[in-house]
Amino acid sequence: SPAVPSPAVPSPAVPSPEGVGDLDRYSIEWSMRTDGAEFNLGVASTKLTGRLVFSGDGDGDGDDETVETQVGSIAATQYRMHHMGNTGVNKLRVFDETQEGLELYEEVVKGWDDGCVEEMQGDLQVINRMVVDPAHRGHGLGLFMIEAADIVVNGYMSAQILKPYPLQFEGHIRYGSSSSYGFPEPPGKNEMSPHSTREAAFANAQAKIRAYYTKLGFEIHDSTEYMLRWNGCQHPSLDKAMRK
């Protein structure tokens, strides 16, 4: 499933560069990719990647006054829903490229075929992954990347959708990895920490990340684990969302 991080305050052990959190110091470098094979499907989807770059102060020894460093990233897939409807493209073939896409089709998109809904009028932008480095967390920069993806890249009368999953649990639950992406280590499965404790910690982390995305107007879609917003209506202010 797509994984996006829960909000977190940087660990005291992680140094915070001067100017961290000041939006004027950040930029996003976008890149898009359309595979040749997509033309056989009517160019129905595009891969989108954004690099979050921080402009920090130089060390004073060189000519450069600032040093740019990547401190986060966002990955999304843009599905051309209106185009698919107009050209009769088989939506299942388009979404069946990945397991995550097939899951999205079965739980959300398939139901839209039964009638005319707002989300079918433009594009559907799926946020696949979004990560912010530990030293730059706690300032709403994840919200900035998602809002920018919608305003800069997403189509008119289009939707954004994501499936929040706390990254600190991703490696442990899915891959047995020791990585927790800079978040506090989640409870393990042992005699001192039963499985129920881990489940409670996961539920708490998931509730926090869902509350985080409601700041931008995302809402739980029907009875699924997906959260969706449509840009045909007014969204909450990014500035206010980042300051909450």
C-alpha atoms as a PDB file:
ATOM      1  CA  SER A   1       0.000   0.000   0.000  1.00  0.00           C
ATOM      2  CA  PRO A   2       1.147   3.579  -0.491  1.00  0.00           C
ATOM      3  CA  ALA A   3       3.003   4.822   2.542  1.00  0.00           C
ATOM      4  CA  VAL A   4       3.134   8.383   3.784  1.00  0.00           C
ATOM      5  CA  PRO A   5       4.735   9.363   7.095  1.00  0.00           C
ATOM      6  CA  SER A   6       3.042  10.432  10.265  1.00  0.00           C
ATOM      7  CA  PRO A   7       3.957  13.877  11.622  1.00  0.00           C
ATOM      8  CA  ALA A   8       6.811  13.887  14.078  1.00  0.00           C
ATOM      9  CA  VAL A   9       8.951  16.335  16.014  1.00  0.00           C
ATOM     10  CA  PRO A  10      12.661  16.025  15.160  1.00  0.00           C
ATOM     11  CA  SER A  11      14.680  14.015  17.644  1.00  0.00           C
ATOM     12  CA  PRO A  12      16.924  16.158  19.914  1.00  0.00           C
ATOM     13  CA  ALA A  13      19.847  14.065  18.635  1.00  0.00           C
ATOM     14  CA  VAL A  14      19.264  15.279  15.075  1.00  0.00           C
ATOM     15  CA  PRO A  15      20.891  18.671  14.347  1.00  0.00           C
ATOM     16  CA  SER A  16      18.563  21.292  12.886  1.00  0.00           C
ATOM     17  CA  PRO A  17      20.205  23.607  10.315  1.00  0.00           C
ATOM     18  CA  GLU A  18      19.640  27.349  10.605  1.00  0.00           C
ATOM     19  CA  GLY A  19      16.460  28.371   8.838  1.00  0.00           C
ATOM     20  CA  VAL A  20      14.844  24.933   9.025  1.00  0.00           C
ATOM     21  CA  GLY A  21      11.073  25.205   8.692  1.00  0.00           C
ATOM     22  CA  ASP A  22      11.209  28.567   6.902  1.00  0.00           C
ATOM     23  CA  LEU A  23       9.294  27.883   3.693  1.00  0.00           C
ATOM     24  CA  ASP A  24      11.340  30.517   1.839  1.00  0.00           C
ATOM     25  CA  ARG A  25      14.313  28.157   2.180  1.00  0.00           C
ATOM     26  CA  TYR A  26      12.629  25.246   0.385  1.00  0.00           C
ATOM     27  CA  SER A  27      11.868  24.366  -3.200  1.00  0.00           C
ATOM     28  CA  ILE A  28      10.583  21.309  -5.039  1.00  0.00           C
ATOM     29  CA  GLU A  29      12.248  20.005  -8.183  1.00  0.00           C
ATOM     30  CA  TRP A  30       9.694  18.105 -10.266  1.00  0.00           C
ATOM     31  CA  SER A  31      10.223  15.390 -12.833  1.00  0.00           C
ATOM     32  CA  MET A  32       7.657  13.416 -14.845  1.00  0.00           C
ATOM     33  CA  ARG A  33       7.929  10.148 -16.721  1.00  0.00           C
ATOM     34  CA  THR A  34       5.704   8.577 -19.350  1.00  0.00           C
ATOM     35  CA  ASP A  35       6.752   5.142 -20.600  1.00  0.00           C
ATOM     36  CA  GLY A  36       6.426   4.281 -24.274  1.00  0.00           C
ATOM     37  CA  ALA A  37       4.244   1.330 -23.337  1.00  0.00           C
ATOM     38  CA  GLU A  38       1.755   3.832 -21.948  1.00  0.00           C
ATOM     39  CA  PHE A  39       0.827   4.825 -25.482  1.00  0.00           C
ATOM     40  CA  ASN A  40      -0.714   1.396 -25.947  1.00  0.00           C
ATOM     41  CA  LEU A  41      -3.034   2.318 -23.096  1.00  0.00           C
ATOM     42  CA  GLY A  42      -3.828   5.776 -24.428  1.00  0.00           C
ATOM     43  CA  VAL A  43      -1.226   7.544 -22.224  1.00  0.00           C
ATOM     44  CA  ALA A  44      -3.559   7.139 -19.285  1.00  0.00           C
ATOM     45  CA  SER A  45      -1.045   7.663 -16.457  1.00  0.00           C
ATOM     46  CA  THR A  46       2.132   9.555 -15.657  1.00  0.00           C
ATOM     47  CA  LYS A  47       4.727   9.033 -12.926  1.00  0.00           C
ATOM     48  CA  LEU A  48       5.549  12.146 -10.914  1.00  0.00           C
ATOM     49  CA  THR A  49       8.520  12.692  -8.596  1.00  0.00           C
ATOM     50  CA  GLY A  50       9.393  15.724  -6.489  1.00  0.00           C
ATOM     51  CA  ARG A  51      12.640  16.410  -4.604  1.00  0.00           C
ATOM     52  CA  LEU A  52      12.302  18.689  -1.571  1.00  0.00           C
ATOM     53  CA  VAL A  53      15.417  20.892  -1.520  1.00  0.00           C
ATOM     54  CA  PHE A  54      16.623  23.016   1.400  1.00  0.00           C
ATOM     55  CA  SER A  55      18.829  26.063   0.769  1.00  0.00           C
ATOM     56  CA  GLY A  56      21.118  26.248   3.766  1.00  0.00           C
ATOM     57  CA  ASP A  57      23.876  28.651   4.676  1.00  0.00           C
ATOM     58  CA  GLY A  58      27.330  27.871   3.294  1.00  0.00           C
ATOM     59  CA  ASP A  59      30.370  27.331   5.502  1.00  0.00           C
ATOM     60  CA  GLY A  60      31.916  30.613   4.402  1.00  0.00           C
ATOM     61  CA  ASP A  61      35.011  28.993   2.921  1.00  0.00           C
ATOM     62  CA  GLY A  62      33.809  28.961  -0.682  1.00  0.00           C
ATOM     63  CA  ASP A  63      32.136  31.294  -3.122  1.00  0.00           C
ATOM     64  CA  ASP A  64      28.689  29.781  -2.595  1.00  0.00           C
ATOM     65  CA  GLU A  65      26.578  31.589  -0.046  1.00  0.00           C
ATOM     66  CA  THR A  66      24.037  28.778   0.084  1.00  0.00           C
ATOM     67  CA  VAL A  67      24.199  25.010  -0.107  1.00  0.00           C
ATOM     68  CA  GLU A  68      21.260  23.059  -1.526  1.00  0.00           C
ATOM     69  CA  THR A  69      20.467  19.691   0.010  1.00  0.00           C
ATOM     70  CA  GLN A  70      17.668  17.240  -0.676  1.00  0.00           C
ATOM     71  CA  VAL A  71      15.696  16.794   2.544  1.00  0.00           C
ATOM     72  CA  GLY A  72      12.582  14.983   1.362  1.00  0.00           C
ATOM     73  CA  SER A  73      10.699  13.564  -1.577  1.00  0.00           C
ATOM     74  CA  ILE A  74       7.246  12.830  -2.917  1.00  0.00           C
ATOM     75  CA  ALA A  75       6.172  10.265  -5.509  1.00  0.00           C
ATOM     76  CA  ALA A  76       2.775  10.169  -7.180  1.00  0.00           C
ATOM     77  CA  THR A  77       0.948   8.668 -10.129  1.00  0.00           C
ATOM     78  CA  GLN A  78      -1.343  10.851 -12.209  1.00  0.00           C
ATOM     79  CA  TYR A  79      -4.260   8.944 -13.758  1.00  0.00           C
ATOM     80  CA  ARG A  80      -6.110  10.747 -16.575  1.00  0.00           C
ATOM     81  CA  MET A  81      -9.630   9.738 -15.583  1.00  0.00           C
ATOM     82  CA  HIS A  82     -11.435  12.120 -17.948  1.00  0.00           C
ATOM     83  CA  HIS A  83      -9.254  10.960 -20.841  1.00  0.00           C
ATOM     84  CA  MET A  84      -9.929   7.311 -20.018  1.00  0.00           C
ATOM     85  CA  GLY A  85     -13.658   7.957 -19.976  1.00  0.00           C
ATOM     86  CA  ASN A  86     -13.627   9.794 -23.293  1.00  0.00           C
ATOM     87  CA  THR A  87     -11.481   7.251 -25.131  1.00  0.00           C
ATOM     88  CA  GLY A  88     -12.899   4.077 -23.623  1.00  0.00           C
ATOM     89  CA  VAL A  89      -9.560   2.960 -22.177  1.00  0.00           C
ATOM     90  CA  ASN A  90      -9.810  -0.169 -20.049  1.00  0.00           C
ATOM     91  CA  LYS A  91      -9.262   1.249 -16.546  1.00  0.00           C
ATOM     92  CA  LEU A  92      -8.457  -2.130 -15.052  1.00  0.00           C
ATOM     93  CA  ARG A  93      -5.538  -2.544 -17.487  1.00  0.00           C
ATOM     94  CA  VAL A  94      -4.195   0.847 -16.466  1.00  0.00           C
ATOM     95  CA  PHE A  95      -4.454   0.341 -12.703  1.00  0.00           C
ATOM     96  CA  ASP A  96      -3.309  -3.290 -12.857  1.00  0.00           C
ATOM     97  CA  GLU A  97       0.302  -2.204 -13.468  1.00  0.00           C
ATOM     98  CA  THR A  98       1.077  -2.517  -9.744  1.00  0.00           C
ATOM     99  CA  GLN A  99      -0.425  -4.263  -6.731  1.00  0.00           C
ATOM    100  CA  GLU A 100      -1.130  -0.883  -5.150  1.00  0.00           C
ATOM    101  CA  GLY A 101      -2.879   0.317  -8.303  1.00  0.00           C
ATOM    102  CA  LEU A 102      -5.023  -2.814  -8.484  1.00  0.00           C
ATOM    103  CA  GLU A 103      -5.986  -2.393  -4.830  1.00  0.00           C
ATOM    104  CA  LEU A 104      -6.974   1.226  -5.504  1.00  0.00           C
ATOM    105  CA  TYR A 105      -9.046   0.158  -8.509  1.00  0.00           C
ATOM    106  CA  GLU A 106     -10.887  -2.555  -6.581  1.00  0.00           C
ATOM    107  CA  GLU A 107     -11.603  -0.429  -3.514  1.00  0.00           C
ATOM    108  CA  VAL A 108     -12.281   2.973  -5.087  1.00  0.00           C
ATOM    109  CA  VAL A 109     -12.167   3.419  -8.866  1.00  0.00           C
ATOM    110  CA  LYS A 110     -14.293   0.410  -9.771  1.00  0.00           C
ATOM    111  CA  GLY A 111     -17.266   1.901  -7.945  1.00  0.00           C
ATOM    112  CA  TRP A 112     -16.964   5.156  -9.896  1.00  0.00           C
ATOM    113  CA  ASP A 113     -17.750   3.373 -13.149  1.00  0.00           C
ATOM    114  CA  ASP A 114     -21.339   2.947 -12.003  1.00  0.00           C
ATOM    115  CA  GLY A 115     -22.175   6.637 -12.273  1.00  0.00           C
ATOM    116  CA  CYS A 116     -20.962  10.153 -12.970  1.00  0.00           C
ATOM    117  CA  VAL A 117     -18.972  11.375  -9.970  1.00  0.00           C
ATOM    118  CA  GLU A 118     -16.854  14.470  -9.382  1.00  0.00           C
ATOM    119  CA  GLU A 119     -13.600  12.525  -9.186  1.00  0.00           C
ATOM    120  CA  MET A 120     -14.056  11.276 -12.762  1.00  0.00           C
ATOM    121  CA  GLN A 121     -14.189  14.763 -14.314  1.00  0.00           C
ATOM    122  CA  GLY A 122     -10.430  15.375 -14.351  1.00  0.00           C
ATOM    123  CA  ASP A 123      -7.367  13.513 -13.084  1.00  0.00           C
ATOM    124  CA  LEU A 124      -6.804  11.272 -10.089  1.00  0.00           C
ATOM    125  CA  GLN A 125      -3.458  11.979  -8.439  1.00  0.00           C
ATOM    126  CA  VAL A 126      -2.347   9.165  -6.156  1.00  0.00           C
ATOM    127  CA  ILE A 127       0.266  10.052  -3.549  1.00  0.00           C
ATOM    128  CA  ASN A 128       2.365   6.888  -3.435  1.00  0.00           C
ATOM    129  CA  ARG A 129       5.045   7.998  -1.001  1.00  0.00           C
ATOM    130  CA  MET A 130       6.133  11.106   0.846  1.00  0.00           C
ATOM    131  CA  VAL A 131       9.129  11.369   3.167  1.00  0.00           C
ATOM    132  CA  VAL A 132      10.755  14.261   5.057  1.00  0.00           C
ATOM    133  CA  ASP A 133      14.191  13.943   6.677  1.00  0.00           C
ATOM    134  CA  PRO A 134      14.130  13.860  10.511  1.00  0.00           C
ATOM    135  CA  ALA A 135      15.858  17.239  10.942  1.00  0.00           C
ATOM    136  CA  HIS A 136      13.137  18.946   8.881  1.00  0.00           C
ATOM    137  CA  ARG A 137      10.034  17.310  10.339  1.00  0.00           C
ATOM    138  CA  GLY A 138       7.442  19.019  12.472  1.00  0.00           C
ATOM    139  CA  HIS A 139       7.049  22.053  10.173  1.00  0.00           C
ATOM    140  CA  GLY A 140       4.335  20.890   7.756  1.00  0.00           C
ATOM    141  CA  LEU A 141       6.693  20.341   4.833  1.00  0.00           C
ATOM    142  CA  GLY A 142       4.870  17.155   3.885  1.00  0.00           C
ATOM    143  CA  LEU A 143       1.689  19.207   3.539  1.00  0.00           C
ATOM    144  CA  PHE A 144       3.623  21.687   1.402  1.00  0.00           C
ATOM    145  CA  MET A 145       4.712  18.932  -1.013  1.00  0.00           C
ATOM    146  CA  ILE A 146       1.207  17.501  -1.300  1.00  0.00           C
ATOM    147  CA  GLU A 147      -0.386  20.919  -1.820  1.00  0.00           C
ATOM    148  CA  ALA A 148       2.238  21.801  -4.433  1.00  0.00           C
ATOM    149  CA  ALA A 149       1.605  18.527  -6.282  1.00  0.00           C
ATOM    150  CA  ASP A 150      -2.069  19.423  -6.475  1.00  0.00           C
ATOM    151  CA  ILE A 151      -1.667  23.072  -7.514  1.00  0.00           C
ATOM    152  CA  VAL A 152       1.334  22.738  -9.823  1.00  0.00           C
ATOM    153  CA  VAL A 153       0.730  19.362 -11.470  1.00  0.00           C
ATOM    154  CA  ASN A 154      -2.771  18.067 -10.844  1.00  0.00           C
ATOM    155  CA  GLY A 155      -5.515  18.799 -13.366  1.00  0.00           C
ATOM    156  CA  TYR A 156      -8.552  21.044 -13.117  1.00  0.00           C
ATOM    157  CA  MET A 157     -11.570  19.537 -11.324  1.00  0.00           C
ATOM    158  CA  SER A 158      -9.336  16.682 -10.178  1.00  0.00           C
ATOM    159  CA  ALA A 159      -8.804  14.622  -7.029  1.00  0.00           C
ATOM    160  CA  GLN A 160      -5.912  13.612  -4.816  1.00  0.00           C
ATOM    161  CA  ILE A 161      -5.960  10.355  -2.908  1.00  0.00           C
ATOM    162  CA  LEU A 162      -3.603   8.699  -0.430  1.00  0.00           C
ATOM    163  CA  LYS A 163      -3.584   5.769   1.954  1.00  0.00           C
ATOM    164  CA  PRO A 164      -1.867   6.881   5.169  1.00  0.00           C
ATOM    165  CA  TYR A 165       0.470   4.318   6.687  1.00  0.00           C
ATOM    166  CA  PRO A 166       2.911   5.144   9.526  1.00  0.00           C
ATOM    167  CA  LEU A 167       6.372   4.624   8.058  1.00  0.00           C
ATOM    168  CA  GLN A 168       7.882   3.621  11.404  1.00  0.00           C
ATOM    169  CA  PHE A 169       5.873   0.404  11.156  1.00  0.00           C
ATOM    170  CA  GLU A 170       6.454  -0.252   7.459  1.00  0.00           C
ATOM    171  CA  GLY A 171       9.868  -1.897   7.576  1.00  0.00           C
ATOM    172  CA  HIS A 172       9.122  -3.957  10.670  1.00  0.00           C
ATOM    173  CA  ILE A 173       5.689  -5.247   9.699  1.00  0.00           C
ATOM    174  CA  ARG A 174       6.253  -5.741   5.983  1.00  0.00           C
ATOM    175  CA  TYR A 175       9.919  -6.464   5.501  1.00  0.00           C
ATOM    176  CA  GLY A 176      11.399  -7.263   8.888  1.00  0.00           C
ATOM    177  CA  SER A 177      13.758  -4.323   8.461  1.00  0.00           C
ATOM    178  CA  SER A 178      15.460  -2.564  11.370  1.00  0.00           C
ATOM    179  CA  SER A 179      14.757   0.823   9.793  1.00  0.00           C
ATOM    180  CA  SER A 180      12.091   3.017  11.368  1.00  0.00           C
ATOM    181  CA  TYR A 181      12.756   6.032   9.078  1.00  0.00           C
ATOM    182  CA  GLY A 182      13.959   8.226  11.939  1.00  0.00           C
ATOM    183  CA  PHE A 183      10.803   7.713  14.005  1.00  0.00           C
ATOM    184  CA  PRO A 184      10.754   6.238  17.531  1.00  0.00           C
ATOM    185  CA  GLU A 185      11.103   2.465  17.464  1.00  0.00           C
ATOM    186  CA  PRO A 186       7.625   0.867  17.550  1.00  0.00           C
ATOM    187  CA  PRO A 187       6.818  -1.769  20.175  1.00  0.00           C
ATOM    188  CA  GLY A 188       8.071  -5.222  19.260  1.00  0.00           C
ATOM    189  CA  LYS A 189       6.537  -8.651  19.638  1.00  0.00           C
ATOM    190  CA  ASN A 190       7.967 -10.225  22.777  1.00  0.00           C
ATOM    191  CA  GLU A 191       6.944 -11.193  26.288  1.00  0.00           C
ATOM    192  CA  MET A 192       7.480  -7.683  27.605  1.00  0.00           C
ATOM    193  CA  SER A 193       5.510  -6.106  24.759  1.00  0.00           C
ATOM    194  CA  PRO A 194       2.597  -8.271  23.588  1.00  0.00           C
ATOM    195  CA  HIS A 195       1.080  -8.000  20.124  1.00  0.00           C
ATOM    196  CA  SER A 196      -1.871  -6.030  21.518  1.00  0.00           C
ATOM    197  CA  THR A 197       0.512  -3.260  22.607  1.00  0.00           C
ATOM    198  CA  ARG A 198       1.909  -3.047  19.096  1.00  0.00           C
ATOM    199  CA  GLU A 199      -1.568  -2.923  17.591  1.00  0.00           C
ATOM    200  CA  ALA A 200      -2.537  -0.108  19.947  1.00  0.00           C
ATOM    201  CA  ALA A 201       0.604   1.836  19.015  1.00  0.00           C
ATOM    202  CA  PHE A 202      -0.144   1.369  15.314  1.00  0.00           C
ATOM    203  CA  ALA A 203      -3.761   2.513  15.741  1.00  0.00           C
ATOM    204  CA  ASN A 204      -2.569   5.613  17.609  1.00  0.00           C
ATOM    205  CA  ALA A 205       0.020   6.451  14.935  1.00  0.00           C
ATOM    206  CA  GLN A 206      -2.522   5.926  12.158  1.00  0.00           C
ATOM    207  CA  ALA A 207      -5.033   8.214  13.894  1.00  0.00           C
ATOM    208  CA  LYS A 208      -2.373  10.934  14.133  1.00  0.00           C
ATOM    209  CA  ILE A 209      -1.424  10.724  10.473  1.00  0.00           C
ATOM    210  CA  ARG A 210      -5.075  10.839   9.401  1.00  0.00           C
ATOM    211  CA  ALA A 211      -5.604  13.946  11.524  1.00  0.00           C
ATOM    212  CA  TYR A 212      -2.502  15.421   9.882  1.00  0.00           C
ATOM    213  CA  TYR A 213      -3.994  15.142   6.389  1.00  0.00           C
ATOM    214  CA  THR A 214      -7.409  16.431   7.388  1.00  0.00           C
ATOM    215  CA  LYS A 215      -5.633  19.787   7.788  1.00  0.00           C
ATOM    216  CA  LEU A 216      -5.585  20.010   3.981  1.00  0.00           C
ATOM    217  CA  GLY A 217      -9.168  18.857   3.555  1.00  0.00           C
ATOM    218  CA  PHE A 218      -8.619  15.124   3.047  1.00  0.00           C
ATOM    219  CA  GLU A 219     -11.487  12.922   4.205  1.00  0.00           C
ATOM    220  CA  ILE A 220     -11.876   9.181   4.632  1.00  0.00           C
ATOM    221  CA  HIS A 221     -13.349   7.828   1.394  1.00  0.00           C
ATOM    222  CA  ASP A 222     -16.438   5.737   2.124  1.00  0.00           C
ATOM    223  CA  SER A 223     -15.471   2.820   4.369  1.00  0.00           C
ATOM    224  CA  THR A 224     -11.962   2.365   2.920  1.00  0.00           C
ATOM    225  CA  GLU A 225      -8.576   3.292   4.367  1.00  0.00           C
ATOM    226  CA  TYR A 226      -8.054   5.865   1.627  1.00  0.00           C
ATOM    227  CA  MET A 227      -8.318   9.616   2.156  1.00  0.00           C
ATOM    228  CA  LEU A 228      -9.430  11.844  -0.722  1.00  0.00           C
ATOM    229  CA  ARG A 229      -9.948  15.479  -1.582  1.00  0.00           C
ATOM    230  CA  TRP A 230     -11.282  17.117  -4.764  1.00  0.00           C
ATOM    231  CA  ASN A 231      -9.912  20.442  -6.010  1.00  0.00           C
ATOM    232  CA  GLY A 232     -13.231  21.523  -7.479  1.00  0.00           C
ATOM    233  CA  CYS A 233     -13.992  23.020  -4.074  1.00  0.00           C
ATOM    234  CA  GLN A 234     -11.995  25.274  -1.772  1.00  0.00           C
ATOM    235  CA  HIS A 235      -9.346  23.613   0.379  1.00  0.00           C
ATOM    236  CA  PRO A 236      -8.149  24.771   3.790  1.00  0.00           C
ATOM    237  CA  SER A 237      -5.295  27.272   3.732  1.00  0.00           C
ATOM    238  CA  LEU A 238      -1.839  25.705   3.484  1.00  0.00           C
ATOM    239  CA  ASP A 239      -0.388  28.436   5.692  1.00  0.00           C
ATOM    240  CA  LYS A 240      -2.880  27.704   8.463  1.00  0.00           C
ATOM    241  CA  ALA A 241      -2.449  23.952   8.036  1.00  0.00           C
ATOM    242  CA  MET A 242       1.332  24.217   8.418  1.00  0.00           C
ATOM    243  CA  ARG A 243       0.990  26.310  11.571  1.00  0.00           C
ATOM    244  CA  LYS A 244      -1.495  24.074  13.396  1.00  0.00           C
END
